[in-house]
Amino acid sequence: MATILIVDDEADMRQLISMYLQNSGFTTIEGENGDEAFHHLNSKNIDLILLDIMLPGKDGFTICEEIRRESAVPVIFLTAKGEEWDMVKGLQIGGDDYIVKPFSPGALVARIEAVLRRISGKNQKQGVVQHGMIEMDAISRNMSVAGKAVHLTFKEFEMLRLMMEHHGTAFSRESLLDKVWGLDYHGGTRTVDTHIKTIRMKLGKEASNYIQTIWGYGYKFEVPK
């Protein structure tokens, strides 16, 4: 069953939602702010995020915008506000649905299941990315090399997926840093080199050759003919 990340600063609300969803067969993970949300998103396979709008510090809208720079994981906004402007804004910035507190357990589960069905349908149309021995599924975030499952961290997965989806395209280190980490990331390009080294190690001897170094520039993914 799907894993749902619940992001709400009210512990009682998180626990109540978690109980609702677990009773319906879902696995749940809880976070109380944006930092915790990204920690879980980067370290676990999250199928859907329930994101409260009114959070201390960064609000849910800001967090959703940041998530959309890195991930297509579906987001359902949770809020006590029912104004149409909020609903429209949430959908415009990348939210998949919107539910107003208080809500019934049945209504919440129905919304989640509807979004997951919709996303699953899109994924089936899009298919998976496969080149050579490597196969990646962007929605389930599963990856295999020669049929054997390989675990990548969130950033490793996104970097490899980007290069696989643009097979044969050379990316500069700066471009990879911007596309995977975002324009507001202040670390240096050595982060890219470190992640490439780790990805190659996880891919194994033969598949690691698909990631080619463009000396003085960056990297590209290309399966040797």
N, C-alpha and C. Protein backbone atom coordinates (compact mmCIF):
# COMPACT_ATOMS: atom_id res chain seq x y z
N MET A 1 0.85 -1.20 0.00
CA MET A 1 0.00 0.00 0.00
C MET A 1 0.88 1.24 0.00
N ALA A 2 0.29 2.36 -0.39
CA ALA A 2 1.05 3.60 -0.55
C ALA A 2 1.53 4.16 0.79
N THR A 3 2.65 4.89 0.73
CA THR A 3 3.19 5.58 1.89
C THR A 3 2.84 7.06 1.81
N ILE A 4 2.18 7.58 2.84
CA ILE A 4 1.70 8.95 2.85
C ILE A 4 2.50 9.75 3.87
N LEU A 5 3.05 10.89 3.44
CA LEU A 5 3.75 11.81 4.34
C LEU A 5 2.77 12.89 4.78
N ILE A 6 2.56 13.00 6.10
CA ILE A 6 1.64 13.98 6.67
C ILE A 6 2.46 15.13 7.25
N VAL A 7 2.29 16.33 6.71
CA VAL A 7 3.05 17.49 7.18
C VAL A 7 2.07 18.49 7.80
N ASP A 8 2.10 18.58 9.12
CA ASP A 8 1.20 19.46 9.86
C ASP A 8 1.88 19.78 11.18
N ASP A 9 1.81 21.05 11.61
CA ASP A 9 2.50 21.42 12.85
C ASP A 9 1.72 21.02 14.10
N GLU A 10 0.48 20.57 13.95
CA GLU A 10 -0.32 20.14 15.09
C GLU A 10 -0.19 18.63 15.27
N ALA A 11 0.46 18.22 16.37
CA ALA A 11 0.71 16.80 16.59
C ALA A 11 -0.59 16.00 16.67
N ASP A 12 -1.61 16.56 17.32
CA ASP A 12 -2.88 15.84 17.45
C ASP A 12 -3.50 15.59 16.07
N MET A 13 -3.42 16.58 15.19
CA MET A 13 -3.98 16.42 13.85
C MET A 13 -3.20 15.37 13.06
N ARG A 14 -1.87 15.41 13.15
CA ARG A 14 -1.06 14.41 12.45
C ARG A 14 -1.42 13.00 12.91
N GLN A 15 -1.53 12.84 14.23
CA GLN A 15 -1.82 11.52 14.78
C GLN A 15 -3.21 11.04 14.38
N LEU A 16 -4.18 11.97 14.34
CA LEU A 16 -5.54 11.60 13.95
C LEU A 16 -5.58 11.17 12.49
N ILE A 17 -4.92 11.95 11.61
CA ILE A 17 -4.89 11.59 10.19
C ILE A 17 -4.15 10.27 10.00
N SER A 18 -3.06 10.12 10.71
CA SER A 18 -2.28 8.88 10.62
C SER A 18 -3.14 7.68 11.00
N MET A 19 -3.93 7.81 12.06
CA MET A 19 -4.81 6.72 12.48
C MET A 19 -5.84 6.40 11.40
N TYR A 20 -6.46 7.46 10.83
CA TYR A 20 -7.42 7.27 9.74
C TYR A 20 -6.80 6.44 8.61
N LEU A 21 -5.60 6.87 8.20
CA LEU A 21 -4.98 6.27 7.01
C LEU A 21 -4.47 4.86 7.30
N GLN A 22 -3.90 4.64 8.46
CA GLN A 22 -3.44 3.30 8.81
C GLN A 22 -4.60 2.32 8.88
N ASN A 23 -5.74 2.80 9.37
CA ASN A 23 -6.92 1.93 9.42
C ASN A 23 -7.41 1.56 8.02
N SER A 24 -7.02 2.38 7.03
CA SER A 24 -7.39 2.09 5.64
C SER A 24 -6.29 1.37 4.89
N GLY A 25 -5.22 1.00 5.60
CA GLY A 25 -4.17 0.20 4.99
C GLY A 25 -2.96 0.97 4.49
N PHE A 26 -2.93 2.29 4.69
CA PHE A 26 -1.79 3.07 4.24
C PHE A 26 -0.66 3.03 5.27
N THR A 27 0.57 3.24 4.80
CA THR A 27 1.71 3.48 5.68
C THR A 27 1.85 4.99 5.82
N THR A 28 2.12 5.47 7.03
CA THR A 28 2.21 6.91 7.24
C THR A 28 3.55 7.31 7.85
N ILE A 29 4.00 8.52 7.47
CA ILE A 29 5.18 9.16 8.04
C ILE A 29 4.77 10.58 8.39
N GLU A 30 5.25 11.09 9.51
CA GLU A 30 4.83 12.42 9.96
C GLU A 30 5.98 13.42 9.98
N GLY A 31 5.64 14.68 9.68
CA GLY A 31 6.59 15.79 9.79
C GLY A 31 5.85 17.03 10.20
N GLU A 32 6.51 17.93 10.93
CA GLU A 32 5.80 19.11 11.41
C GLU A 32 6.17 20.40 10.69
N ASN A 33 7.13 20.34 9.75
CA ASN A 33 7.51 21.55 9.01
C ASN A 33 8.19 21.16 7.71
N GLY A 34 8.61 22.18 6.96
CA GLY A 34 9.23 21.93 5.66
C GLY A 34 10.53 21.16 5.74
N ASP A 35 11.35 21.46 6.74
CA ASP A 35 12.63 20.76 6.86
C ASP A 35 12.41 19.26 7.06
N GLU A 36 11.46 18.91 7.92
CA GLU A 36 11.19 17.49 8.15
C GLU A 36 10.58 16.85 6.90
N ALA A 37 9.77 17.60 6.18
CA ALA A 37 9.17 17.08 4.95
C ALA A 37 10.25 16.70 3.94
N PHE A 38 11.22 17.61 3.74
CA PHE A 38 12.28 17.32 2.78
C PHE A 38 13.21 16.21 3.26
N HIS A 39 13.42 16.12 4.56
CA HIS A 39 14.23 15.02 5.08
C HIS A 39 13.60 13.68 4.71
N HIS A 40 12.31 13.55 4.93
CA HIS A 40 11.63 12.29 4.60
C HIS A 40 11.57 12.07 3.09
N LEU A 41 11.33 13.14 2.35
CA LEU A 41 11.24 13.02 0.90
C LEU A 41 12.56 12.58 0.29
N ASN A 42 13.65 13.02 0.88
CA ASN A 42 14.98 12.67 0.37
C ASN A 42 15.46 11.30 0.81
N SER A 43 14.86 10.75 1.84
CA SER A 43 15.38 9.50 2.40
C SER A 43 14.42 8.32 2.31
N LYS A 44 13.16 8.58 1.93
CA LYS A 44 12.17 7.50 1.89
C LYS A 44 11.38 7.56 0.59
N ASN A 45 10.74 6.46 0.25
CA ASN A 45 9.88 6.42 -0.93
C ASN A 45 8.48 6.90 -0.54
N ILE A 46 8.19 8.13 -0.85
CA ILE A 46 6.91 8.74 -0.50
C ILE A 46 6.00 8.72 -1.73
N ASP A 47 4.77 8.24 -1.55
CA ASP A 47 3.83 8.16 -2.67
C ASP A 47 2.92 9.38 -2.77
N LEU A 48 2.68 10.04 -1.65
CA LEU A 48 1.80 11.21 -1.65
C LEU A 48 2.06 12.02 -0.38
N ILE A 49 1.92 13.35 -0.49
CA ILE A 49 2.12 14.24 0.66
C ILE A 49 0.81 14.95 0.99
N LEU A 50 0.40 14.88 2.25
CA LEU A 50 -0.68 15.71 2.78
C LEU A 50 -0.02 16.91 3.44
N LEU A 51 -0.24 18.09 2.90
CA LEU A 51 0.54 19.26 3.30
C LEU A 51 -0.38 20.37 3.82
N ASP A 52 -0.24 20.68 5.10
CA ASP A 52 -1.01 21.78 5.69
C ASP A 52 -0.49 23.11 5.14
N ILE A 53 -1.40 24.04 4.88
CA ILE A 53 -0.98 25.34 4.36
C ILE A 53 -0.44 26.23 5.47
N MET A 54 -1.13 26.30 6.60
CA MET A 54 -0.74 27.21 7.67
C MET A 54 0.31 26.56 8.58
N LEU A 55 1.57 26.72 8.20
CA LEU A 55 2.68 26.17 8.96
C LEU A 55 3.57 27.32 9.47
N PRO A 56 4.24 27.14 10.60
CA PRO A 56 5.19 28.16 11.05
C PRO A 56 6.40 28.20 10.13
N GLY A 57 6.97 29.37 9.94
CA GLY A 57 8.10 29.48 9.01
C GLY A 57 7.56 29.45 7.59
N LYS A 58 8.08 28.57 6.77
CA LYS A 58 7.60 28.43 5.39
C LYS A 58 6.19 27.84 5.40
N ASP A 59 5.28 28.47 4.67
CA ASP A 59 3.93 27.93 4.61
C ASP A 59 3.86 26.81 3.57
N GLY A 60 2.70 26.17 3.52
CA GLY A 60 2.54 25.03 2.62
C GLY A 60 2.72 25.37 1.17
N PHE A 61 2.30 26.58 0.76
CA PHE A 61 2.48 26.98 -0.63
C PHE A 61 3.96 27.04 -1.01
N THR A 62 4.75 27.65 -0.14
CA THR A 62 6.19 27.76 -0.40
C THR A 62 6.84 26.38 -0.44
N ILE A 63 6.46 25.53 0.49
CA ILE A 63 7.02 24.17 0.53
C ILE A 63 6.67 23.41 -0.74
N CYS A 64 5.42 23.55 -1.19
CA CYS A 64 5.00 22.86 -2.42
C CYS A 64 5.81 23.34 -3.62
N GLU A 65 6.04 24.64 -3.70
CA GLU A 65 6.84 25.18 -4.81
C GLU A 65 8.25 24.59 -4.79
N GLU A 66 8.83 24.44 -3.60
CA GLU A 66 10.17 23.87 -3.49
C GLU A 66 10.16 22.38 -3.84
N ILE A 67 9.11 21.69 -3.43
CA ILE A 67 9.00 20.27 -3.77
C ILE A 67 8.94 20.10 -5.29
N ARG A 68 8.20 20.97 -5.96
CA ARG A 68 8.02 20.85 -7.41
C ARG A 68 9.32 21.09 -8.19
N ARG A 69 10.30 21.72 -7.56
CA ARG A 69 11.59 21.88 -8.24
C ARG A 69 12.36 20.57 -8.26
N GLU A 70 11.98 19.64 -7.40
CA GLU A 70 12.74 18.41 -7.25
C GLU A 70 11.94 17.14 -7.53
N SER A 71 10.63 17.20 -7.40
CA SER A 71 9.86 15.96 -7.41
C SER A 71 8.46 16.18 -7.97
N ALA A 72 7.91 15.10 -8.56
CA ALA A 72 6.53 15.12 -9.05
C ALA A 72 5.59 14.41 -8.09
N VAL A 73 6.05 14.11 -6.88
CA VAL A 73 5.21 13.41 -5.91
C VAL A 73 3.91 14.19 -5.70
N PRO A 74 2.75 13.54 -5.75
CA PRO A 74 1.49 14.27 -5.60
C PRO A 74 1.34 14.93 -4.23
N VAL A 75 0.70 16.10 -4.21
CA VAL A 75 0.50 16.88 -2.99
C VAL A 75 -0.99 17.22 -2.86
N ILE A 76 -1.56 16.90 -1.70
CA ILE A 76 -2.91 17.34 -1.36
C ILE A 76 -2.80 18.34 -0.21
N PHE A 77 -3.32 19.54 -0.42
CA PHE A 77 -3.26 20.56 0.62
C PHE A 77 -4.34 20.32 1.68
N LEU A 78 -3.95 20.52 2.94
CA LEU A 78 -4.87 20.48 4.07
C LEU A 78 -4.95 21.88 4.66
N THR A 79 -6.15 22.38 4.86
CA THR A 79 -6.26 23.72 5.43
C THR A 79 -7.62 23.93 6.07
N ALA A 80 -7.65 24.84 7.03
CA ALA A 80 -8.92 25.22 7.65
C ALA A 80 -9.58 26.33 6.86
N LYS A 81 -8.86 26.89 5.88
CA LYS A 81 -9.41 27.98 5.09
C LYS A 81 -10.09 27.42 3.85
N GLY A 82 -11.25 27.96 3.51
CA GLY A 82 -11.98 27.45 2.36
C GLY A 82 -12.17 28.45 1.25
N GLU A 83 -11.44 29.55 1.27
CA GLU A 83 -11.60 30.57 0.24
C GLU A 83 -11.17 30.03 -1.13
N GLU A 84 -11.88 30.43 -2.15
CA GLU A 84 -11.60 29.96 -3.50
C GLU A 84 -10.19 30.34 -3.94
N TRP A 85 -9.72 31.52 -3.50
CA TRP A 85 -8.39 31.98 -3.93
C TRP A 85 -7.31 31.01 -3.47
N ASP A 86 -7.45 30.51 -2.23
CA ASP A 86 -6.47 29.54 -1.73
C ASP A 86 -6.49 28.27 -2.54
N MET A 87 -7.69 27.81 -2.88
CA MET A 87 -7.83 26.58 -3.64
C MET A 87 -7.19 26.72 -5.01
N VAL A 88 -7.45 27.85 -5.67
CA VAL A 88 -6.89 28.08 -7.00
C VAL A 88 -5.37 28.20 -6.93
N LYS A 89 -4.87 28.96 -5.97
CA LYS A 89 -3.42 29.13 -5.85
C LYS A 89 -2.73 27.79 -5.61
N GLY A 90 -3.30 26.98 -4.72
CA GLY A 90 -2.69 25.69 -4.42
C GLY A 90 -2.56 24.81 -5.65
N LEU A 91 -3.58 24.82 -6.50
CA LEU A 91 -3.54 24.01 -7.72
C LEU A 91 -2.60 24.62 -8.76
N GLN A 92 -2.54 25.94 -8.81
CA GLN A 92 -1.69 26.60 -9.80
C GLN A 92 -0.21 26.35 -9.55
N ILE A 93 0.19 26.22 -8.29
CA ILE A 93 1.62 26.05 -7.99
C ILE A 93 2.04 24.58 -7.96
N GLY A 94 1.12 23.68 -8.30
CA GLY A 94 1.54 22.27 -8.43
C GLY A 94 0.84 21.31 -7.50
N GLY A 95 -0.13 21.79 -6.70
CA GLY A 95 -0.89 20.88 -5.87
C GLY A 95 -1.81 20.02 -6.71
N ASP A 96 -2.13 18.83 -6.23
CA ASP A 96 -2.98 17.91 -6.98
C ASP A 96 -4.43 17.92 -6.49
N ASP A 97 -4.64 18.34 -5.27
CA ASP A 97 -6.00 18.43 -4.74
C ASP A 97 -5.97 19.27 -3.46
N TYR A 98 -7.13 19.47 -2.86
CA TYR A 98 -7.28 20.40 -1.76
C TYR A 98 -8.45 19.90 -0.91
N ILE A 99 -8.27 19.78 0.40
CA ILE A 99 -9.36 19.36 1.27
C ILE A 99 -9.39 20.26 2.50
N VAL A 100 -10.58 20.70 2.86
CA VAL A 100 -10.75 21.67 3.93
C VAL A 100 -11.06 20.97 5.25
N LYS A 101 -10.34 21.38 6.32
CA LYS A 101 -10.64 20.87 7.65
C LYS A 101 -11.91 21.54 8.18
N PRO A 102 -12.72 20.83 8.97
CA PRO A 102 -12.60 19.40 9.30
C PRO A 102 -13.14 18.53 8.16
N PHE A 103 -12.64 17.34 8.05
CA PHE A 103 -13.07 16.43 7.00
C PHE A 103 -13.31 15.06 7.62
N SER A 104 -14.09 14.26 6.95
CA SER A 104 -14.37 12.90 7.44
C SER A 104 -13.26 11.97 6.97
N PRO A 105 -13.00 10.90 7.71
CA PRO A 105 -12.00 9.92 7.28
C PRO A 105 -12.28 9.39 5.88
N GLY A 106 -13.55 9.13 5.60
CA GLY A 106 -13.91 8.59 4.29
C GLY A 106 -13.60 9.55 3.16
N ALA A 107 -13.88 10.84 3.38
CA ALA A 107 -13.60 11.84 2.35
C ALA A 107 -12.10 11.96 2.09
N LEU A 108 -11.32 11.94 3.16
CA LEU A 108 -9.86 12.05 3.00
C LEU A 108 -9.31 10.86 2.24
N VAL A 109 -9.70 9.66 2.63
CA VAL A 109 -9.21 8.45 1.96
C VAL A 109 -9.64 8.45 0.49
N ALA A 110 -10.87 8.87 0.22
CA ALA A 110 -11.35 8.91 -1.16
C ALA A 110 -10.53 9.87 -2.01
N ARG A 111 -10.18 11.04 -1.46
CA ARG A 111 -9.36 12.00 -2.20
C ARG A 111 -7.98 11.42 -2.49
N ILE A 112 -7.38 10.80 -1.49
CA ILE A 112 -6.05 10.21 -1.66
C ILE A 112 -6.09 9.13 -2.74
N GLU A 113 -7.05 8.25 -2.65
CA GLU A 113 -7.14 7.16 -3.63
C GLU A 113 -7.37 7.68 -5.03
N ALA A 114 -8.17 8.75 -5.16
CA ALA A 114 -8.44 9.33 -6.47
C ALA A 114 -7.17 9.92 -7.08
N VAL A 115 -6.40 10.64 -6.27
CA VAL A 115 -5.14 11.22 -6.77
C VAL A 115 -4.15 10.13 -7.16
N LEU A 116 -4.03 9.10 -6.32
CA LEU A 116 -3.10 8.01 -6.62
C LEU A 116 -3.50 7.28 -7.89
N ARG A 117 -4.79 7.10 -8.12
CA ARG A 117 -5.25 6.45 -9.37
C ARG A 117 -4.90 7.31 -10.57
N ARG A 118 -5.11 8.62 -10.42
CA ARG A 118 -4.82 9.53 -11.52
C ARG A 118 -3.33 9.53 -11.86
N ILE A 119 -2.50 9.58 -10.83
CA ILE A 119 -1.05 9.58 -11.04
C ILE A 119 -0.61 8.26 -11.64
N SER A 120 -1.18 7.17 -11.16
CA SER A 120 -0.83 5.85 -11.69
C SER A 120 -1.17 5.75 -13.16
N GLY A 121 -2.31 6.33 -13.53
CA GLY A 121 -2.70 6.31 -14.94
C GLY A 121 -1.73 7.10 -15.81
N LYS A 122 -1.29 8.25 -15.30
CA LYS A 122 -0.30 9.04 -16.04
C LYS A 122 0.99 8.26 -16.20
N ASN A 123 1.39 7.58 -15.13
CA ASN A 123 2.64 6.84 -15.17
C ASN A 123 2.60 5.72 -16.19
N GLN A 124 1.43 5.05 -16.27
CA GLN A 124 1.31 3.96 -17.23
C GLN A 124 1.45 4.48 -18.65
N LYS A 125 0.95 5.69 -18.90
CA LYS A 125 1.06 6.27 -20.22
C LYS A 125 2.50 6.69 -20.49
N GLN A 126 3.15 7.22 -19.46
CA GLN A 126 4.52 7.70 -19.65
C GLN A 126 5.51 6.54 -19.71
N GLY A 127 5.23 5.46 -19.01
CA GLY A 127 6.15 4.34 -18.96
C GLY A 127 7.37 4.64 -18.12
N VAL A 128 8.32 3.75 -18.22
CA VAL A 128 9.56 3.90 -17.46
C VAL A 128 10.68 4.34 -18.40
N VAL A 129 11.77 4.80 -17.79
CA VAL A 129 12.96 5.17 -18.56
C VAL A 129 13.92 3.99 -18.53
N GLN A 130 14.34 3.54 -19.69
CA GLN A 130 15.24 2.39 -19.74
C GLN A 130 16.28 2.59 -20.83
N HIS A 131 17.53 2.42 -20.44
CA HIS A 131 18.63 2.45 -21.39
C HIS A 131 19.62 1.38 -20.96
N GLY A 132 20.02 0.54 -21.90
CA GLY A 132 20.97 -0.51 -21.57
C GLY A 132 20.47 -1.41 -20.46
N MET A 133 21.27 -1.59 -19.44
CA MET A 133 20.94 -2.46 -18.33
C MET A 133 20.11 -1.78 -17.26
N ILE A 134 19.91 -0.46 -17.38
CA ILE A 134 19.28 0.31 -16.30
C ILE A 134 17.82 0.62 -16.63
N GLU A 135 16.96 0.40 -15.65
CA GLU A 135 15.54 0.74 -15.77
C GLU A 135 15.12 1.54 -14.55
N MET A 136 14.42 2.67 -14.79
CA MET A 136 13.98 3.53 -13.70
C MET A 136 12.49 3.82 -13.85
N ASP A 137 11.78 3.85 -12.72
CA ASP A 137 10.38 4.22 -12.68
C ASP A 137 10.27 5.49 -11.83
N ALA A 138 9.94 6.61 -12.48
CA ALA A 138 9.97 7.90 -11.80
C ALA A 138 8.90 8.03 -10.72
N ILE A 139 7.78 7.32 -10.84
CA ILE A 139 6.71 7.46 -9.87
C ILE A 139 6.93 6.55 -8.67
N SER A 140 7.20 5.28 -8.91
CA SER A 140 7.45 4.36 -7.79
C SER A 140 8.84 4.55 -7.23
N ARG A 141 9.73 5.22 -8.02
CA ARG A 141 11.12 5.47 -7.64
C ARG A 141 11.89 4.17 -7.45
N ASN A 142 11.48 3.17 -8.21
CA ASN A 142 12.24 1.91 -8.23
C ASN A 142 13.25 1.96 -9.36
N MET A 143 14.39 1.32 -9.13
CA MET A 143 15.42 1.29 -10.14
C MET A 143 16.12 -0.05 -10.09
N SER A 144 16.52 -0.55 -11.27
CA SER A 144 17.22 -1.83 -11.31
C SER A 144 18.33 -1.80 -12.35
N VAL A 145 19.34 -2.59 -12.12
CA VAL A 145 20.45 -2.78 -13.06
C VAL A 145 20.50 -4.26 -13.38
N ALA A 146 20.28 -4.60 -14.66
CA ALA A 146 20.23 -5.99 -15.09
C ALA A 146 19.22 -6.79 -14.25
N GLY A 147 18.10 -6.15 -13.92
CA GLY A 147 17.05 -6.82 -13.17
C GLY A 147 17.22 -6.85 -11.67
N LYS A 148 18.35 -6.35 -11.18
CA LYS A 148 18.62 -6.34 -9.74
C LYS A 148 18.35 -4.95 -9.17
N ALA A 149 17.53 -4.90 -8.11
CA ALA A 149 17.16 -3.62 -7.51
C ALA A 149 18.39 -2.90 -6.95
N VAL A 150 18.43 -1.59 -7.18
CA VAL A 150 19.50 -0.74 -6.67
C VAL A 150 18.85 0.44 -5.96
N HIS A 151 19.30 0.76 -4.76
CA HIS A 151 18.74 1.89 -4.01
C HIS A 151 19.61 3.12 -4.19
N LEU A 152 18.96 4.20 -4.61
CA LEU A 152 19.62 5.50 -4.71
C LEU A 152 18.93 6.48 -3.78
N THR A 153 19.68 7.43 -3.26
CA THR A 153 19.07 8.51 -2.48
C THR A 153 18.24 9.38 -3.44
N PHE A 154 17.44 10.28 -2.88
CA PHE A 154 16.58 11.12 -3.71
C PHE A 154 17.39 11.90 -4.73
N LYS A 155 18.48 12.55 -4.32
CA LYS A 155 19.27 13.36 -5.24
C LYS A 155 19.98 12.50 -6.28
N GLU A 156 20.49 11.35 -5.86
CA GLU A 156 21.13 10.45 -6.81
C GLU A 156 20.14 10.00 -7.88
N PHE A 157 18.94 9.65 -7.44
CA PHE A 157 17.91 9.20 -8.37
C PHE A 157 17.57 10.31 -9.36
N GLU A 158 17.36 11.52 -8.86
CA GLU A 158 16.97 12.63 -9.73
C GLU A 158 18.08 12.97 -10.72
N MET A 159 19.32 12.91 -10.30
CA MET A 159 20.41 13.23 -11.21
C MET A 159 20.51 12.19 -12.32
N LEU A 160 20.44 10.91 -11.94
CA LEU A 160 20.53 9.85 -12.94
C LEU A 160 19.33 9.89 -13.88
N ARG A 161 18.15 10.13 -13.32
CA ARG A 161 16.96 10.19 -14.16
C ARG A 161 17.06 11.32 -15.17
N LEU A 162 17.52 12.48 -14.73
CA LEU A 162 17.67 13.63 -15.63
C LEU A 162 18.58 13.28 -16.80
N MET A 163 19.71 12.66 -16.50
CA MET A 163 20.65 12.33 -17.57
C MET A 163 20.10 11.22 -18.47
N MET A 164 19.40 10.23 -17.89
CA MET A 164 18.83 9.16 -18.71
C MET A 164 17.73 9.67 -19.62
N GLU A 165 16.92 10.61 -19.12
CA GLU A 165 15.84 11.16 -19.93
C GLU A 165 16.37 12.02 -21.08
N HIS A 166 17.63 12.46 -20.96
CA HIS A 166 18.28 13.25 -22.02
C HIS A 166 19.52 12.49 -22.49
N HIS A 167 19.29 11.26 -22.90
CA HIS A 167 20.35 10.35 -23.31
C HIS A 167 21.26 11.01 -24.36
N GLY A 168 22.56 11.01 -24.06
CA GLY A 168 23.52 11.57 -24.99
C GLY A 168 23.76 13.06 -24.86
N THR A 169 23.01 13.73 -23.98
CA THR A 169 23.17 15.18 -23.79
C THR A 169 24.20 15.46 -22.71
N ALA A 170 25.15 16.33 -23.01
CA ALA A 170 26.17 16.69 -22.03
C ALA A 170 25.64 17.79 -21.12
N PHE A 171 25.76 17.58 -19.81
CA PHE A 171 25.35 18.57 -18.81
C PHE A 171 26.59 19.12 -18.12
N SER A 172 26.65 20.43 -17.98
CA SER A 172 27.73 21.01 -17.19
C SER A 172 27.46 20.71 -15.72
N ARG A 173 28.49 20.80 -14.90
CA ARG A 173 28.32 20.60 -13.46
C ARG A 173 27.36 21.64 -12.89
N GLU A 174 27.48 22.86 -13.37
CA GLU A 174 26.60 23.93 -12.90
C GLU A 174 25.15 23.66 -13.26
N SER A 175 24.93 23.13 -14.46
CA SER A 175 23.57 22.82 -14.89
C SER A 175 22.96 21.71 -14.05
N LEU A 176 23.72 20.67 -13.77
CA LEU A 176 23.23 19.59 -12.92
C LEU A 176 22.92 20.09 -11.52
N LEU A 177 23.78 20.97 -11.03
CA LEU A 177 23.56 21.51 -9.68
C LEU A 177 22.26 22.31 -9.64
N ASP A 178 22.03 23.14 -10.65
CA ASP A 178 20.82 23.96 -10.69
C ASP A 178 19.56 23.12 -10.85
N LYS A 179 19.61 22.12 -11.73
CA LYS A 179 18.42 21.33 -12.04
C LYS A 179 18.05 20.36 -10.92
N VAL A 180 19.05 19.84 -10.21
CA VAL A 180 18.78 18.84 -9.19
C VAL A 180 18.67 19.45 -7.80
N TRP A 181 19.52 20.43 -7.50
CA TRP A 181 19.51 21.05 -6.16
C TRP A 181 18.72 22.35 -6.11
N GLY A 182 18.58 23.01 -7.25
CA GLY A 182 17.84 24.26 -7.28
C GLY A 182 18.76 25.47 -7.26
N LEU A 183 18.22 26.58 -7.75
CA LEU A 183 19.02 27.80 -7.89
C LEU A 183 19.43 28.39 -6.55
N ASP A 184 18.68 28.05 -5.49
CA ASP A 184 19.00 28.64 -4.19
C ASP A 184 20.00 27.82 -3.39
N TYR A 185 20.55 26.75 -4.00
CA TYR A 185 21.54 25.93 -3.30
C TYR A 185 22.89 26.64 -3.34
N HIS A 186 23.55 26.73 -2.19
CA HIS A 186 24.78 27.51 -2.10
C HIS A 186 26.06 26.66 -2.08
N GLY A 187 25.92 25.34 -2.18
CA GLY A 187 27.10 24.49 -2.20
C GLY A 187 27.80 24.54 -3.54
N GLY A 188 29.02 24.02 -3.59
CA GLY A 188 29.80 24.05 -4.82
C GLY A 188 29.54 22.85 -5.70
N THR A 189 30.17 22.88 -6.90
CA THR A 189 29.94 21.81 -7.87
C THR A 189 30.61 20.50 -7.48
N ARG A 190 31.44 20.50 -6.46
CA ARG A 190 32.02 19.24 -6.00
C ARG A 190 30.94 18.29 -5.50
N THR A 191 29.81 18.86 -5.09
CA THR A 191 28.68 18.02 -4.69
C THR A 191 28.25 17.11 -5.85
N VAL A 192 28.26 17.66 -7.06
CA VAL A 192 27.89 16.88 -8.24
C VAL A 192 28.88 15.75 -8.44
N ASP A 193 30.17 16.04 -8.37
CA ASP A 193 31.19 15.01 -8.56
C ASP A 193 31.06 13.90 -7.53
N THR A 194 30.79 14.29 -6.29
CA THR A 194 30.65 13.29 -5.22
C THR A 194 29.46 12.38 -5.49
N HIS A 195 28.34 12.94 -5.92
CA HIS A 195 27.15 12.13 -6.19
C HIS A 195 27.36 11.23 -7.41
N ILE A 196 28.04 11.73 -8.43
CA ILE A 196 28.33 10.91 -9.61
C ILE A 196 29.19 9.71 -9.21
N LYS A 197 30.18 9.95 -8.38
CA LYS A 197 31.06 8.87 -7.92
C LYS A 197 30.26 7.79 -7.19
N THR A 198 29.33 8.22 -6.33
CA THR A 198 28.52 7.26 -5.57
C THR A 198 27.56 6.51 -6.49
N ILE A 199 26.95 7.21 -7.44
CA ILE A 199 26.04 6.56 -8.39
C ILE A 199 26.79 5.50 -9.18
N ARG A 200 27.96 5.83 -9.68
CA ARG A 200 28.75 4.86 -10.45
C ARG A 200 29.05 3.61 -9.62
N MET A 201 29.40 3.82 -8.38
CA MET A 201 29.71 2.69 -7.50
C MET A 201 28.48 1.79 -7.35
N LYS A 202 27.31 2.39 -7.18
CA LYS A 202 26.09 1.61 -6.99
C LYS A 202 25.65 0.90 -8.27
N LEU A 203 25.95 1.49 -9.44
CA LEU A 203 25.55 0.88 -10.70
C LEU A 203 26.36 -0.37 -11.03
N GLY A 204 27.56 -0.46 -10.50
CA GLY A 204 28.41 -1.60 -10.81
C GLY A 204 29.34 -1.32 -11.97
N LYS A 205 30.28 -2.21 -12.18
CA LYS A 205 31.37 -1.97 -13.13
C LYS A 205 30.89 -1.67 -14.54
N GLU A 206 30.01 -2.50 -15.08
CA GLU A 206 29.61 -2.32 -16.48
C GLU A 206 28.68 -1.13 -16.68
N ALA A 207 27.62 -1.04 -15.87
CA ALA A 207 26.64 0.04 -16.05
C ALA A 207 27.22 1.41 -15.68
N SER A 208 28.22 1.44 -14.83
CA SER A 208 28.80 2.73 -14.44
C SER A 208 29.46 3.42 -15.63
N ASN A 209 29.82 2.64 -16.66
CA ASN A 209 30.44 3.22 -17.85
C ASN A 209 29.46 4.05 -18.67
N TYR A 210 28.15 3.91 -18.36
CA TYR A 210 27.16 4.70 -19.08
C TYR A 210 27.29 6.19 -18.74
N ILE A 211 27.79 6.48 -17.54
CA ILE A 211 27.97 7.88 -17.14
C ILE A 211 29.38 8.30 -17.56
N GLN A 212 29.44 9.14 -18.55
CA GLN A 212 30.73 9.53 -19.12
C GLN A 212 31.13 10.93 -18.66
N THR A 213 32.39 11.09 -18.34
CA THR A 213 32.91 12.38 -17.90
C THR A 213 33.31 13.22 -19.11
N ILE A 214 32.82 14.44 -19.16
CA ILE A 214 33.25 15.40 -20.18
C ILE A 214 34.26 16.31 -19.49
N TRP A 215 35.53 16.06 -19.70
CA TRP A 215 36.58 16.73 -18.94
C TRP A 215 36.50 18.24 -19.08
N GLY A 216 36.59 18.91 -17.95
CA GLY A 216 36.53 20.36 -17.91
C GLY A 216 35.12 20.92 -18.08
N TYR A 217 34.11 20.04 -18.15
CA TYR A 217 32.74 20.52 -18.37
C TYR A 217 31.75 19.86 -17.42
N GLY A 218 31.55 18.54 -17.58
CA GLY A 218 30.55 17.88 -16.75
C GLY A 218 30.39 16.41 -17.11
N TYR A 219 29.13 15.98 -17.32
CA TYR A 219 28.86 14.55 -17.53
C TYR A 219 27.72 14.38 -18.53
N LYS A 220 27.67 13.16 -19.11
CA LYS A 220 26.52 12.77 -19.91
C LYS A 220 26.27 11.29 -19.72
N PHE A 221 25.03 10.88 -19.96
CA PHE A 221 24.65 9.47 -19.88
C PHE A 221 24.48 8.96 -21.30
N GLU A 222 25.24 7.93 -21.64
CA GLU A 222 25.14 7.36 -22.99
C GLU A 222 25.56 5.90 -22.95
N VAL A 223 24.71 5.04 -23.48
CA VAL A 223 25.04 3.61 -23.52
C VAL A 223 25.95 3.37 -24.73
N PRO A 224 27.15 2.82 -24.51
CA PRO A 224 28.08 2.57 -25.62
C PRO A 224 27.45 1.64 -26.66
N LYS A 225 27.67 1.93 -27.91
CA LYS A 225 27.14 1.10 -29.00
C LYS A 225 28.02 -0.13 -29.22
